[in-house]
Structure formats: C-alpha cells, structure tokens
Amino acid sequence: MLGPERVRPFTRGGGQIVAVLDSGVDAGHPQLGGRVLAGFDAVAGSGAANDDCIGTGTQVAGVIAAG
C-alpha cells in the first residue's frame, strides 16, 4: 500500500531522538560517538543502557543513524 516514493518524505527526520528497545547501545562505538544517550536499563530496573552485552542494540542503532 505504501510505495517507496510515497514514504520517502518521512524518512529524513534529522535531529530526532529514537529509542532502541534491545540489548543496549554501545556509546563508545566509533560510528555512534556522541550520539547515544544514557537511556534506561529496563531489565535491571535502573541504571543506564549505554553499553551492549550482546551487540544487537548497537547494530540496530547503527542502521537508524545511517538512515
């Protein structure tokens, strides 16, 4: 129903904050430097989520940041 030409105008949202609900995001990753907020560790119930014990959250954040 949504062709790429119809949704393209919505894909350029610079300056937006996006939540990644995953394993955390590695704030020290060179390609994400300065772009990762502390977040919230929902598994532990407190603390930051700016490290990534598995790597999938960092991968997702990289895809989002590249867009």
Protein backbone atom coordinates (compact mmCIF):
# COMPACT_ATOMS: atom_id res chain seq x y z
CA MET A 1 0.00 0.00 0.00
CA LEU A 2 2.84 2.41 0.73
CA GLY A 3 5.16 2.76 -2.22
CA PRO A 4 8.71 3.97 -1.58
CA GLU A 5 8.02 7.22 -3.41
CA ARG A 6 5.15 7.97 -1.01
CA VAL A 7 7.04 7.35 2.24
CA ARG A 8 10.41 8.86 1.28
CA PRO A 9 9.45 12.35 2.56
CA PHE A 10 9.02 10.83 6.03
CA THR A 11 12.47 9.20 6.10
CA ARG A 12 14.59 12.29 6.58
CA GLY A 13 13.99 13.14 10.24
CA GLY A 14 17.30 14.67 11.33
CA GLY A 15 17.59 15.78 14.94
CA GLN A 16 15.13 13.23 16.29
CA ILE A 17 15.62 11.08 19.39
CA VAL A 18 14.87 7.42 18.73
CA ALA A 19 14.53 4.68 21.36
CA VAL A 20 16.17 1.30 20.69
CA LEU A 21 14.42 -1.41 22.70
CA ASP A 22 17.10 -4.08 22.63
CA SER A 23 20.27 -5.15 24.44
CA GLY A 24 21.50 -1.58 25.00
CA VAL A 25 23.65 0.55 22.70
CA ASP A 26 27.44 0.79 22.95
CA ALA A 27 28.01 4.52 23.49
CA GLY A 28 31.73 4.03 22.83
CA HIS A 29 31.27 2.67 19.31
CA PRO A 30 33.26 4.95 16.96
CA GLN A 31 30.41 5.38 14.47
CA LEU A 32 27.95 6.36 17.20
CA GLY A 33 30.26 8.62 19.20
CA GLY A 34 28.41 11.48 20.87
CA ARG A 35 25.04 10.28 19.56
CA VAL A 36 23.98 7.85 22.31
CA LEU A 37 22.08 8.98 25.40
CA ALA A 38 22.38 7.05 28.66
CA GLY A 39 18.93 5.51 28.31
CA PHE A 40 17.41 3.18 30.90
CA ASP A 41 18.17 -0.45 31.68
CA ALA A 42 14.67 -1.95 31.86
CA VAL A 43 15.97 -5.46 32.63
CA ALA A 44 17.89 -4.36 35.74
CA GLY A 45 15.18 -1.85 36.58
CA SER A 46 17.66 1.01 36.98
CA GLY A 47 20.81 2.46 35.56
CA ALA A 48 21.94 3.43 32.09
CA ALA A 49 21.73 1.33 28.95
CA ASN A 50 24.71 2.84 27.14
CA ASP A 51 26.61 -0.44 26.83
CA ASP A 52 25.61 -3.52 24.88
CA CYS A 53 26.16 -7.02 26.23
CA ILE A 54 25.03 -8.78 23.02
CA GLY A 55 25.62 -6.29 20.20
CA THR A 56 22.23 -6.31 18.54
CA GLY A 57 21.13 -2.98 20.02
CA THR A 58 24.27 -1.30 18.70
CA GLN A 59 23.63 -2.82 15.29
CA VAL A 60 20.05 -1.50 15.24
CA ALA A 61 21.25 1.96 16.37
CA GLY A 62 23.79 1.96 13.54
CA VAL A 63 21.09 1.26 10.98
CA ILE A 64 18.95 4.06 12.42
CA ALA A 65 21.86 6.53 12.48
CA ALA A 66 22.84 5.68 8.90
CA GLY A 67 19.33 6.48 7.62
